[in-house]
Amino acid sequence: MIVITLTKVPASLRGDLTKWYQEIQTGVYVGNVSARIRDLLWDRVVQNIGNGEATMVYNTNNELGYQIKTTRKMYKVVDFDGIPLMMHLNSTAVSGFEKHGFSNAAKFHRARMVAQKSEKPRVTKTNKHFVSLDVETTGLNPDKNQIISIGAVKKINDKKYDSFYRLIKVDTAVPKTITELTDITLELLKKEGVTLDRALRELTEFISSATIIGYNLQFDLSFLMSGYRSVNLKEPDNETLDLLPVVKKAEKFIDNYRLATILDFYNIKNSKPHNALSDAKATLQLLYKLMENGNIKV
């Protein structure tokens, strides 16, 4: 049996704990999970507790049959001959007590969030048309690696979508790991690929003045902008919207933020992961799901 008490913690943390524990009273959670899951959940409590406090009591093999963990600043858990005790700290001791939830990274994140607008992402009235974009590449570095496919999709009306997909000829080998992910081989690119110059000209026409959206969009844009420069084409200056930070703000307690995990979380099917067009289609569905949930204002 595990009991956790929370006071003055973010509502998102309380909601997260209800996935594993039953809230029998406001701020009091009871459950029975494995020791590994218990410790992982406690780490999440400590990391996301903000200015609040938490205490956990759980079964263990000692004199009393239970152990205590706490973040309360006025108390410290001490071991007295195998018996866990809550020791009240004086003001001097408290001044040097560790403050949970406020690492340097957390402080930086808080400062950055305060500096930004507190309202939800908003798309301007003149840019309600969206193009979802995704690229596949030979690696992660836009200065050294190349684009091998570009996929894009936009909504024409409630029932019709228009799509764009190009394979790109490259002058280098396609790594085996990339082929395993994308099913794209050098032979396929030689047979069906077009030049980067042609692909980018056609992409620019397809995008027109629409807002470009993507998931971890900066990765895709870094390759595209490098590509535009390499063939001496004008880079598009469209409004952009990256869905990754929107999802991170809306869903703070997902195990990871890989696209596949997020699509599964929102019940969005992606028929062919790591295919630029399929990923773009799924990302566009994610955009409308976030709009429907009120995470993005238009």
C-alpha atoms as a PDB file:
ATOM      1  CA  MET A   1       0.000   0.000   0.000  1.00  0.00           C
ATOM      2  CA  ILE A   2       1.222   3.483  -0.873  1.00  0.00           C
ATOM      3  CA  VAL A   3      -0.175   6.786   0.404  1.00  0.00           C
ATOM      4  CA  ILE A   4       0.811  10.183  -1.015  1.00  0.00           C
ATOM      5  CA  THR A   5      -0.370  13.551   0.294  1.00  0.00           C
ATOM      6  CA  LEU A   6      -0.040  16.731  -1.784  1.00  0.00           C
ATOM      7  CA  THR A   7      -0.562  20.352  -0.809  1.00  0.00           C
ATOM      8  CA  LYS A   8      -0.505  23.450  -3.037  1.00  0.00           C
ATOM      9  CA  VAL A   9       0.754  21.554  -6.084  1.00  0.00           C
ATOM     10  CA  PRO A  10      -0.114  22.238  -9.752  1.00  0.00           C
ATOM     11  CA  ALA A  11      -3.438  20.769 -10.881  1.00  0.00           C
ATOM     12  CA  SER A  12      -1.628  18.951 -13.698  1.00  0.00           C
ATOM     13  CA  LEU A  13       0.393  16.963 -11.151  1.00  0.00           C
ATOM     14  CA  ARG A  14      -2.722  15.958  -9.235  1.00  0.00           C
ATOM     15  CA  GLY A  15      -4.374  14.867 -12.444  1.00  0.00           C
ATOM     16  CA  ASP A  16      -1.329  12.855 -13.430  1.00  0.00           C
ATOM     17  CA  LEU A  17      -1.299  10.873 -10.176  1.00  0.00           C
ATOM     18  CA  THR A  18      -4.912   9.771 -10.679  1.00  0.00           C
ATOM     19  CA  LYS A  19      -3.685   7.542 -13.515  1.00  0.00           C
ATOM     20  CA  TRP A  20      -2.051   5.275 -10.917  1.00  0.00           C
ATOM     21  CA  TYR A  21      -3.575   6.157  -7.539  1.00  0.00           C
ATOM     22  CA  GLN A  22      -7.076   6.765  -6.225  1.00  0.00           C
ATOM     23  CA  GLU A  23      -7.691  10.205  -4.745  1.00  0.00           C
ATOM     24  CA  ILE A  24      -9.733   9.327  -1.654  1.00  0.00           C
ATOM     25  CA  GLN A  25      -9.738  12.900  -0.372  1.00  0.00           C
ATOM     26  CA  THR A  26      -8.450  16.162  -1.804  1.00  0.00           C
ATOM     27  CA  GLY A  27      -4.692  15.778  -2.036  1.00  0.00           C
ATOM     28  CA  VAL A  28      -4.631  12.247  -0.564  1.00  0.00           C
ATOM     29  CA  TYR A  29      -3.784   9.405  -2.942  1.00  0.00           C
ATOM     30  CA  VAL A  30      -3.808   5.669  -2.231  1.00  0.00           C
ATOM     31  CA  GLY A  31      -2.568   2.900  -4.499  1.00  0.00           C
ATOM     32  CA  ASN A  32      -0.525  -0.243  -4.927  1.00  0.00           C
ATOM     33  CA  VAL A  33       2.117  -0.274  -7.675  1.00  0.00           C
ATOM     34  CA  SER A  34       5.530  -1.899  -8.034  1.00  0.00           C
ATOM     35  CA  ALA A  35       8.546  -0.387  -6.297  1.00  0.00           C
ATOM     36  CA  ARG A  36       9.995   0.715  -9.638  1.00  0.00           C
ATOM     37  CA  ILE A  37       6.814   2.519 -10.687  1.00  0.00           C
ATOM     38  CA  ARG A  38       6.474   3.992  -7.202  1.00  0.00           C
ATOM     39  CA  ASP A  39       9.972   5.486  -7.345  1.00  0.00           C
ATOM     40  CA  LEU A  40       9.464   6.794 -10.895  1.00  0.00           C
ATOM     41  CA  LEU A  41       6.211   8.464  -9.869  1.00  0.00           C
ATOM     42  CA  TRP A  42       7.851  10.022  -6.825  1.00  0.00           C
ATOM     43  CA  ASP A  43      10.573  11.452  -9.074  1.00  0.00           C
ATOM     44  CA  ARG A  44       7.855  13.005 -11.224  1.00  0.00           C
ATOM     45  CA  VAL A  45       6.183  14.459  -8.139  1.00  0.00           C
ATOM     46  CA  VAL A  46       9.459  16.041  -7.000  1.00  0.00           C
ATOM     47  CA  GLN A  47      10.242  17.431 -10.455  1.00  0.00           C
ATOM     48  CA  ASN A  48       6.811  18.990 -10.982  1.00  0.00           C
ATOM     49  CA  ILE A  49       5.769  20.026  -7.495  1.00  0.00           C
ATOM     50  CA  GLY A  50       6.510  23.738  -7.926  1.00  0.00           C
ATOM     51  CA  ASN A  51       5.923  25.560  -4.612  1.00  0.00           C
ATOM     52  CA  GLY A  52       3.847  22.716  -3.151  1.00  0.00           C
ATOM     53  CA  GLU A  53       4.771  19.909  -0.799  1.00  0.00           C
ATOM     54  CA  ALA A  54       4.396  16.142  -0.866  1.00  0.00           C
ATOM     55  CA  THR A  55       4.805  13.217   1.514  1.00  0.00           C
ATOM     56  CA  MET A  56       4.767   9.521   0.636  1.00  0.00           C
ATOM     57  CA  VAL A  57       4.400   6.523   2.962  1.00  0.00           C
ATOM     58  CA  TYR A  58       4.892   3.020   1.586  1.00  0.00           C
ATOM     59  CA  ASN A  59       5.346  -0.569   2.805  1.00  0.00           C
ATOM     60  CA  THR A  60       8.888  -1.777   3.378  1.00  0.00           C
ATOM     61  CA  ASN A  61      10.797  -4.327   5.447  1.00  0.00           C
ATOM     62  CA  ASN A  62      11.786  -2.388   8.580  1.00  0.00           C
ATOM     63  CA  GLU A  63      10.781  -2.211  12.249  1.00  0.00           C
ATOM     64  CA  LEU A  64       7.505  -0.416  11.581  1.00  0.00           C
ATOM     65  CA  GLY A  65       6.760  -1.942   8.177  1.00  0.00           C
ATOM     66  CA  TYR A  66       6.722   1.377   6.306  1.00  0.00           C
ATOM     67  CA  GLN A  67       9.038   4.118   5.032  1.00  0.00           C
ATOM     68  CA  ILE A  68       8.528   7.841   4.543  1.00  0.00           C
ATOM     69  CA  LYS A  69       9.655  10.325   1.892  1.00  0.00           C
ATOM     70  CA  THR A  70       8.823  14.011   1.987  1.00  0.00           C
ATOM     71  CA  THR A  71       9.569  17.328   0.330  1.00  0.00           C
ATOM     72  CA  ARG A  72       8.233  19.361   3.266  1.00  0.00           C
ATOM     73  CA  LYS A  73      10.759  22.104   3.930  1.00  0.00           C
ATOM     74  CA  MET A  74      10.242  22.129   7.696  1.00  0.00           C
ATOM     75  CA  TYR A  75      10.770  18.382   8.077  1.00  0.00           C
ATOM     76  CA  LYS A  76      13.386  15.770   7.333  1.00  0.00           C
ATOM     77  CA  VAL A  77      13.032  11.980   7.414  1.00  0.00           C
ATOM     78  CA  VAL A  78      15.649  10.441   9.707  1.00  0.00           C
ATOM     79  CA  ASP A  79      16.413   6.833  10.570  1.00  0.00           C
ATOM     80  CA  PHE A  80      16.408   6.051  14.293  1.00  0.00           C
ATOM     81  CA  ASP A  81      17.529   2.449  14.832  1.00  0.00           C
ATOM     82  CA  GLY A  82      15.609   1.319  11.761  1.00  0.00           C
ATOM     83  CA  ILE A  83      12.560   3.446  12.556  1.00  0.00           C
ATOM     84  CA  PRO A  84      11.714   6.309  10.142  1.00  0.00           C
ATOM     85  CA  LEU A  85      10.924   9.525  11.993  1.00  0.00           C
ATOM     86  CA  MET A  86       9.863  12.988  10.815  1.00  0.00           C
ATOM     87  CA  MET A  87      12.254  15.482  12.380  1.00  0.00           C
ATOM     88  CA  HIS A  88      11.152  19.104  12.609  1.00  0.00           C
ATOM     89  CA  LEU A  89      13.888  21.453  11.383  1.00  0.00           C
ATOM     90  CA  ASN A  90      14.737  24.795  12.922  1.00  0.00           C
ATOM     91  CA  SER A  91      14.879  27.926  10.768  1.00  0.00           C
ATOM     92  CA  THR A  92      18.673  27.713  10.352  1.00  0.00           C
ATOM     93  CA  ALA A  93      18.467  24.215   8.972  1.00  0.00           C
ATOM     94  CA  VAL A  94      15.571  25.117   6.714  1.00  0.00           C
ATOM     95  CA  SER A  95      17.502  27.948   5.067  1.00  0.00           C
ATOM     96  CA  GLY A  96      19.890  25.409   3.555  1.00  0.00           C
ATOM     97  CA  PHE A  97      17.261  22.797   2.799  1.00  0.00           C
ATOM     98  CA  GLU A  98      16.955  21.607  -0.783  1.00  0.00           C
ATOM     99  CA  LYS A  99      14.118  23.231  -2.683  1.00  0.00           C
ATOM    100  CA  HIS A 100      12.449  20.649  -4.886  1.00  0.00           C
ATOM    101  CA  GLY A 101      11.248  21.442  -8.363  1.00  0.00           C
ATOM    102  CA  PHE A 102      13.575  24.377  -8.908  1.00  0.00           C
ATOM    103  CA  SER A 103      16.757  23.161 -10.571  1.00  0.00           C
ATOM    104  CA  ASN A 104      18.643  25.574 -12.810  1.00  0.00           C
ATOM    105  CA  ALA A 105      16.821  24.048 -15.771  1.00  0.00           C
ATOM    106  CA  ALA A 106      13.473  24.565 -14.064  1.00  0.00           C
ATOM    107  CA  LYS A 107      14.331  28.184 -13.266  1.00  0.00           C
ATOM    108  CA  PHE A 108      15.368  28.816 -16.851  1.00  0.00           C
ATOM    109  CA  HIS A 109      12.162  27.231 -18.118  1.00  0.00           C
ATOM    110  CA  ARG A 110      10.058  29.336 -15.748  1.00  0.00           C
ATOM    111  CA  ALA A 111      11.802  32.552 -16.821  1.00  0.00           C
ATOM    112  CA  ARG A 112      11.351  31.691 -20.472  1.00  0.00           C
ATOM    113  CA  MET A 113       7.662  30.932 -20.020  1.00  0.00           C
ATOM    114  CA  VAL A 114       7.067  34.177 -18.141  1.00  0.00           C
ATOM    115  CA  ALA A 115       8.803  36.100 -20.903  1.00  0.00           C
ATOM    116  CA  GLN A 116       6.518  34.572 -23.497  1.00  0.00           C
ATOM    117  CA  LYS A 117       2.846  35.394 -23.889  1.00  0.00           C
ATOM    118  CA  SER A 118       0.754  33.433 -21.435  1.00  0.00           C
ATOM    119  CA  GLU A 119      -2.098  32.928 -23.880  1.00  0.00           C
ATOM    120  CA  LYS A 120      -2.410  29.848 -26.059  1.00  0.00           C
ATOM    121  CA  PRO A 121      -0.820  29.842 -29.524  1.00  0.00           C
ATOM    122  CA  ARG A 122      -2.872  31.928 -31.911  1.00  0.00           C
ATOM    123  CA  VAL A 123      -2.980  31.844 -35.685  1.00  0.00           C
ATOM    124  CA  THR A 124      -3.680  35.187 -37.355  1.00  0.00           C
ATOM    125  CA  LYS A 125      -6.956  35.679 -39.193  1.00  0.00           C
ATOM    126  CA  THR A 126      -5.189  36.002 -42.533  1.00  0.00           C
ATOM    127  CA  ASN A 127      -3.488  32.626 -42.152  1.00  0.00           C
ATOM    128  CA  LYS A 128      -6.220  30.129 -41.365  1.00  0.00           C
ATOM    129  CA  HIS A 129      -5.051  27.897 -44.213  1.00  0.00           C
ATOM    130  CA  PHE A 130      -2.500  25.318 -43.132  1.00  0.00           C
ATOM    131  CA  VAL A 131       0.072  23.148 -44.837  1.00  0.00           C
ATOM    132  CA  SER A 132       1.471  20.271 -42.804  1.00  0.00           C
ATOM    133  CA  LEU A 133       5.075  19.564 -43.707  1.00  0.00           C
ATOM    134  CA  ASP A 134       7.556  16.746 -43.093  1.00  0.00           C
ATOM    135  CA  VAL A 135      10.922  15.730 -44.533  1.00  0.00           C
ATOM    136  CA  GLU A 136      13.046  12.607 -44.399  1.00  0.00           C
ATOM    137  CA  THR A 137      16.818  13.010 -44.492  1.00  0.00           C
ATOM    138  CA  THR A 138      20.052  11.030 -44.571  1.00  0.00           C
ATOM    139  CA  GLY A 139      20.946  12.224 -41.063  1.00  0.00           C
ATOM    140  CA  LEU A 140      20.394  14.880 -38.421  1.00  0.00           C
ATOM    141  CA  ASN A 141      22.787  17.639 -39.516  1.00  0.00           C
ATOM    142  CA  PRO A 142      21.481  20.001 -42.246  1.00  0.00           C
ATOM    143  CA  ASP A 143      25.050  21.126 -42.985  1.00  0.00           C
ATOM    144  CA  LYS A 144      26.243  17.594 -43.707  1.00  0.00           C
ATOM    145  CA  ASN A 145      23.163  15.514 -44.549  1.00  0.00           C
ATOM    146  CA  GLN A 146      20.600  15.754 -47.346  1.00  0.00           C
ATOM    147  CA  ILE A 147      16.836  15.676 -47.836  1.00  0.00           C
ATOM    148  CA  ILE A 148      15.609  12.466 -49.469  1.00  0.00           C
ATOM    149  CA  SER A 149      11.852  13.103 -49.410  1.00  0.00           C
ATOM    150  CA  ILE A 150       9.389  15.917 -48.784  1.00  0.00           C
ATOM    151  CA  GLY A 151       5.743  15.443 -47.879  1.00  0.00           C
ATOM    152  CA  ALA A 152       3.063  18.084 -47.439  1.00  0.00           C
ATOM    153  CA  VAL A 153      -0.713  18.121 -47.178  1.00  0.00           C
ATOM    154  CA  LYS A 154      -3.388  20.807 -46.957  1.00  0.00           C
ATOM    155  CA  LYS A 155      -7.126  20.823 -46.460  1.00  0.00           C
ATOM    156  CA  ILE A 156      -9.203  22.080 -49.385  1.00  0.00           C
ATOM    157  CA  ASN A 157     -12.610  21.653 -47.737  1.00  0.00           C
ATOM    158  CA  ASP A 158     -14.272  19.408 -45.162  1.00  0.00           C
ATOM    159  CA  LYS A 159     -13.955  16.362 -47.391  1.00  0.00           C
ATOM    160  CA  LYS A 160     -11.018  17.075 -49.688  1.00  0.00           C
ATOM    161  CA  TYR A 161      -7.273  17.285 -49.129  1.00  0.00           C
ATOM    162  CA  ASP A 162      -4.444  18.080 -51.512  1.00  0.00           C
ATOM    163  CA  SER A 163      -1.066  16.413 -51.083  1.00  0.00           C
ATOM    164  CA  PHE A 164       2.522  16.879 -52.224  1.00  0.00           C
ATOM    165  CA  TYR A 165       5.222  14.197 -52.198  1.00  0.00           C
ATOM    166  CA  ARG A 166       8.631  14.181 -53.827  1.00  0.00           C
ATOM    167  CA  LEU A 167      11.619  11.869 -53.627  1.00  0.00           C
ATOM    168  CA  ILE A 168      14.890  13.771 -53.980  1.00  0.00           C
ATOM    169  CA  LYS A 169      17.970  12.677 -55.899  1.00  0.00           C
ATOM    170  CA  VAL A 170      21.091  12.794 -53.715  1.00  0.00           C
ATOM    171  CA  ASP A 171      24.807  12.508 -54.431  1.00  0.00           C
ATOM    172  CA  THR A 172      25.583  10.359 -51.411  1.00  0.00           C
ATOM    173  CA  ALA A 173      24.699   6.946 -50.025  1.00  0.00           C
ATOM    174  CA  VAL A 174      21.542   6.448 -47.985  1.00  0.00           C
ATOM    175  CA  PRO A 175      22.542   4.956 -44.612  1.00  0.00           C
ATOM    176  CA  LYS A 176      21.149   1.511 -43.865  1.00  0.00           C
ATOM    177  CA  THR A 177      19.443   2.790 -40.703  1.00  0.00           C
ATOM    178  CA  ILE A 178      17.601   5.426 -42.762  1.00  0.00           C
ATOM    179  CA  THR A 179      16.488   2.847 -45.319  1.00  0.00           C
ATOM    180  CA  GLU A 180      15.205   0.620 -42.533  1.00  0.00           C
ATOM    181  CA  LEU A 181      13.130   3.512 -41.167  1.00  0.00           C
ATOM    182  CA  THR A 182      11.863   4.989 -44.420  1.00  0.00           C
ATOM    183  CA  ASP A 183      12.081   2.179 -47.013  1.00  0.00           C
ATOM    184  CA  ILE A 184      13.948   4.681 -49.198  1.00  0.00           C
ATOM    185  CA  THR A 185      17.012   3.366 -51.009  1.00  0.00           C
ATOM    186  CA  LEU A 186      19.558   5.090 -53.233  1.00  0.00           C
ATOM    187  CA  GLU A 187      18.265   3.022 -56.146  1.00  0.00           C
ATOM    188  CA  LEU A 188      14.730   4.304 -55.557  1.00  0.00           C
ATOM    189  CA  LEU A 189      15.940   7.905 -55.464  1.00  0.00           C
ATOM    190  CA  LYS A 190      17.851   7.470 -58.716  1.00  0.00           C
ATOM    191  CA  LYS A 191      14.806   5.947 -60.390  1.00  0.00           C
ATOM    192  CA  GLU A 192      11.970   8.134 -59.057  1.00  0.00           C
ATOM    193  CA  GLY A 193      13.659  11.143 -57.485  1.00  0.00           C
ATOM    194  CA  VAL A 194      13.689  14.725 -58.781  1.00  0.00           C
ATOM    195  CA  THR A 195      16.300  17.401 -58.251  1.00  0.00           C
ATOM    196  CA  LEU A 196      16.175  19.403 -55.039  1.00  0.00           C
ATOM    197  CA  ASP A 197      15.796  22.595 -57.065  1.00  0.00           C
ATOM    198  CA  ARG A 198      12.647  21.297 -58.786  1.00  0.00           C
ATOM    199  CA  ALA A 199      11.193  19.874 -55.591  1.00  0.00           C
ATOM    200  CA  LEU A 200      11.608  23.134 -53.680  1.00  0.00           C
ATOM    201  CA  ARG A 201      10.140  25.235 -56.495  1.00  0.00           C
ATOM    202  CA  GLU A 202       7.091  22.985 -56.585  1.00  0.00           C
ATOM    203  CA  LEU A 203       6.867  22.964 -52.801  1.00  0.00           C
ATOM    204  CA  THR A 204       6.881  26.759 -52.672  1.00  0.00           C
ATOM    205  CA  GLU A 205       3.995  26.832 -55.137  1.00  0.00           C
ATOM    206  CA  PHE A 206       2.094  24.196 -53.144  1.00  0.00           C
ATOM    207  CA  ILE A 207       2.528  26.053 -49.837  1.00  0.00           C
ATOM    208  CA  SER A 208       1.577  29.443 -51.287  1.00  0.00           C
ATOM    209  CA  SER A 209       0.725  31.792 -48.380  1.00  0.00           C
ATOM    210  CA  ALA A 210      -0.506  29.133 -45.933  1.00  0.00           C
ATOM    211  CA  THR A 211       0.735  28.709 -42.379  1.00  0.00           C
ATOM    212  CA  ILE A 212       3.341  25.926 -42.291  1.00  0.00           C
ATOM    213  CA  ILE A 213       2.815  23.470 -39.458  1.00  0.00           C
ATOM    214  CA  GLY A 214       4.810  20.470 -38.334  1.00  0.00           C
ATOM    215  CA  TYR A 215       5.877  18.400 -35.366  1.00  0.00           C
ATOM    216  CA  ASN A 216       9.363  19.403 -34.223  1.00  0.00           C
ATOM    217  CA  LEU A 217       9.087  21.722 -37.206  1.00  0.00           C
ATOM    218  CA  GLN A 218      12.462  23.392 -36.639  1.00  0.00           C
ATOM    219  CA  PHE A 219      14.187  20.179 -37.703  1.00  0.00           C
ATOM    220  CA  ASP A 220      12.338  20.120 -41.028  1.00  0.00           C
ATOM    221  CA  LEU A 221      12.771  23.852 -41.606  1.00  0.00           C
ATOM    222  CA  SER A 222      16.507  23.730 -40.908  1.00  0.00           C
ATOM    223  CA  PHE A 223      16.942  21.243 -43.758  1.00  0.00           C
ATOM    224  CA  LEU A 224      14.562  23.059 -46.085  1.00  0.00           C
ATOM    225  CA  MET A 225      16.135  26.478 -45.547  1.00  0.00           C
ATOM    226  CA  SER A 226      19.583  24.974 -46.081  1.00  0.00           C
ATOM    227  CA  GLY A 227      18.233  23.390 -49.263  1.00  0.00           C
ATOM    228  CA  TYR A 228      16.769  26.656 -50.560  1.00  0.00           C
ATOM    229  CA  ARG A 229      20.100  28.381 -50.007  1.00  0.00           C
ATOM    230  CA  SER A 230      22.060  25.596 -51.692  1.00  0.00           C
ATOM    231  CA  VAL A 231      20.084  25.979 -54.944  1.00  0.00           C
ATOM    232  CA  ASN A 232      19.887  29.804 -54.725  1.00  0.00           C
ATOM    233  CA  LEU A 233      16.121  29.971 -54.228  1.00  0.00           C
ATOM    234  CA  LYS A 234      14.290  32.500 -52.087  1.00  0.00           C
ATOM    235  CA  GLU A 235      13.333  31.016 -48.728  1.00  0.00           C
ATOM    236  CA  PRO A 236       9.603  31.115 -47.885  1.00  0.00           C
ATOM    237  CA  ASP A 237       8.688  33.569 -45.125  1.00  0.00           C
ATOM    238  CA  ASN A 238       5.321  32.010 -44.250  1.00  0.00           C
ATOM    239  CA  GLU A 239       3.953  32.006 -40.746  1.00  0.00           C
ATOM    240  CA  THR A 240       4.916  28.771 -38.973  1.00  0.00           C
ATOM    241  CA  LEU A 241       3.513  26.768 -36.085  1.00  0.00           C
ATOM    242  CA  ASP A 242       5.393  23.942 -34.357  1.00  0.00           C
ATOM    243  CA  LEU A 243       2.996  21.538 -32.621  1.00  0.00           C
ATOM    244  CA  LEU A 244       5.663  19.981 -30.361  1.00  0.00           C
ATOM    245  CA  PRO A 245       5.771  22.811 -27.770  1.00  0.00           C
ATOM    246  CA  VAL A 246       1.958  23.039 -27.911  1.00  0.00           C
ATOM    247  CA  VAL A 247       1.671  19.350 -27.007  1.00  0.00           C
ATOM    248  CA  LYS A 248       4.310  19.679 -24.275  1.00  0.00           C
ATOM    249  CA  LYS A 249       2.322  22.492 -22.689  1.00  0.00           C
ATOM    250  CA  ALA A 250      -0.999  20.659 -22.996  1.00  0.00           C
ATOM    251  CA  GLU A 251       0.208  17.207 -21.882  1.00  0.00           C
ATOM    252  CA  LYS A 252       2.948  17.531 -19.274  1.00  0.00           C
ATOM    253  CA  PHE A 253       3.095  13.933 -18.120  1.00  0.00           C
ATOM    254  CA  ILE A 254       3.429  11.815 -21.260  1.00  0.00           C
ATOM    255  CA  ASP A 255       6.290   9.323 -21.135  1.00  0.00           C
ATOM    256  CA  ASN A 256       7.946  10.865 -24.212  1.00  0.00           C
ATOM    257  CA  TYR A 257       7.119  13.298 -26.996  1.00  0.00           C
ATOM    258  CA  ARG A 258       7.989  11.241 -30.047  1.00  0.00           C
ATOM    259  CA  LEU A 259       5.465  11.729 -32.833  1.00  0.00           C
ATOM    260  CA  ALA A 260       4.342   8.085 -32.679  1.00  0.00           C
ATOM    261  CA  THR A 261       3.653   8.365 -28.938  1.00  0.00           C
ATOM    262  CA  ILE A 262       1.677  11.585 -29.336  1.00  0.00           C
ATOM    263  CA  LEU A 263      -0.391  10.276 -32.235  1.00  0.00           C
ATOM    264  CA  ASP A 264      -1.267   7.191 -30.216  1.00  0.00           C
ATOM    265  CA  PHE A 265      -2.181   9.374 -27.230  1.00  0.00           C
ATOM    266  CA  TYR A 266      -4.612  11.381 -29.386  1.00  0.00           C
ATOM    267  CA  ASN A 267      -5.933   8.260 -31.156  1.00  0.00           C
ATOM    268  CA  ILE A 268      -4.606   9.369 -34.547  1.00  0.00           C
ATOM    269  CA  LYS A 269      -3.614   6.619 -36.973  1.00  0.00           C
ATOM    270  CA  ASN A 270      -0.460   6.935 -39.039  1.00  0.00           C
ATOM    271  CA  SER A 271      -0.535   4.249 -41.709  1.00  0.00           C
ATOM    272  CA  LYS A 272       3.142   4.554 -42.633  1.00  0.00           C
ATOM    273  CA  PRO A 273       5.433   6.093 -39.963  1.00  0.00           C
ATOM    274  CA  HIS A 274       8.643   7.729 -41.230  1.00  0.00           C
ATOM    275  CA  ASN A 275       7.053   8.355 -44.607  1.00  0.00           C
ATOM    276  CA  ALA A 276       7.081  12.126 -45.150  1.00  0.00           C
ATOM    277  CA  LEU A 277       3.573  12.296 -46.630  1.00  0.00           C
ATOM    278  CA  SER A 278       2.029   9.931 -44.092  1.00  0.00           C
ATOM    279  CA  ASP A 279       3.651  11.815 -41.209  1.00  0.00           C
ATOM    280  CA  ALA A 280       2.444  15.127 -42.656  1.00  0.00           C
ATOM    281  CA  LYS A 281      -1.135  13.831 -42.904  1.00  0.00           C
ATOM    282  CA  ALA A 282      -1.084  12.590 -39.317  1.00  0.00           C
ATOM    283  CA  THR A 283       0.406  15.881 -38.109  1.00  0.00           C
ATOM    284  CA  LEU A 284      -2.383  17.824 -39.810  1.00  0.00           C
ATOM    285  CA  GLN A 285      -4.911  15.673 -37.937  1.00  0.00           C
ATOM    286  CA  LEU A 286      -3.018  16.458 -34.737  1.00  0.00           C
ATOM    287  CA  LEU A 287      -3.375  20.184 -35.473  1.00  0.00           C
ATOM    288  CA  TYR A 288      -7.157  19.923 -35.749  1.00  0.00           C
ATOM    289  CA  LYS A 289      -7.303  17.765 -32.605  1.00  0.00           C
ATOM    290  CA  LEU A 290      -5.395  20.446 -30.669  1.00  0.00           C
ATOM    291  CA  MET A 291      -7.734  23.095 -32.049  1.00  0.00           C
ATOM    292  CA  GLU A 292     -10.742  21.022 -31.049  1.00  0.00           C
ATOM    293  CA  ASN A 293      -9.350  20.693 -27.527  1.00  0.00           C
ATOM    294  CA  GLY A 294      -8.792  24.453 -27.285  1.00  0.00           C
ATOM    295  CA  ASN A 295      -4.988  24.216 -27.187  1.00  0.00           C
ATOM    296  CA  ILE A 296      -4.658  26.443 -30.256  1.00  0.00           C
ATOM    297  CA  LYS A 297      -6.811  29.480 -30.919  1.00  0.00           C
ATOM    298  CA  VAL A 298      -7.731  30.677 -34.376  1.00  0.00           C
END
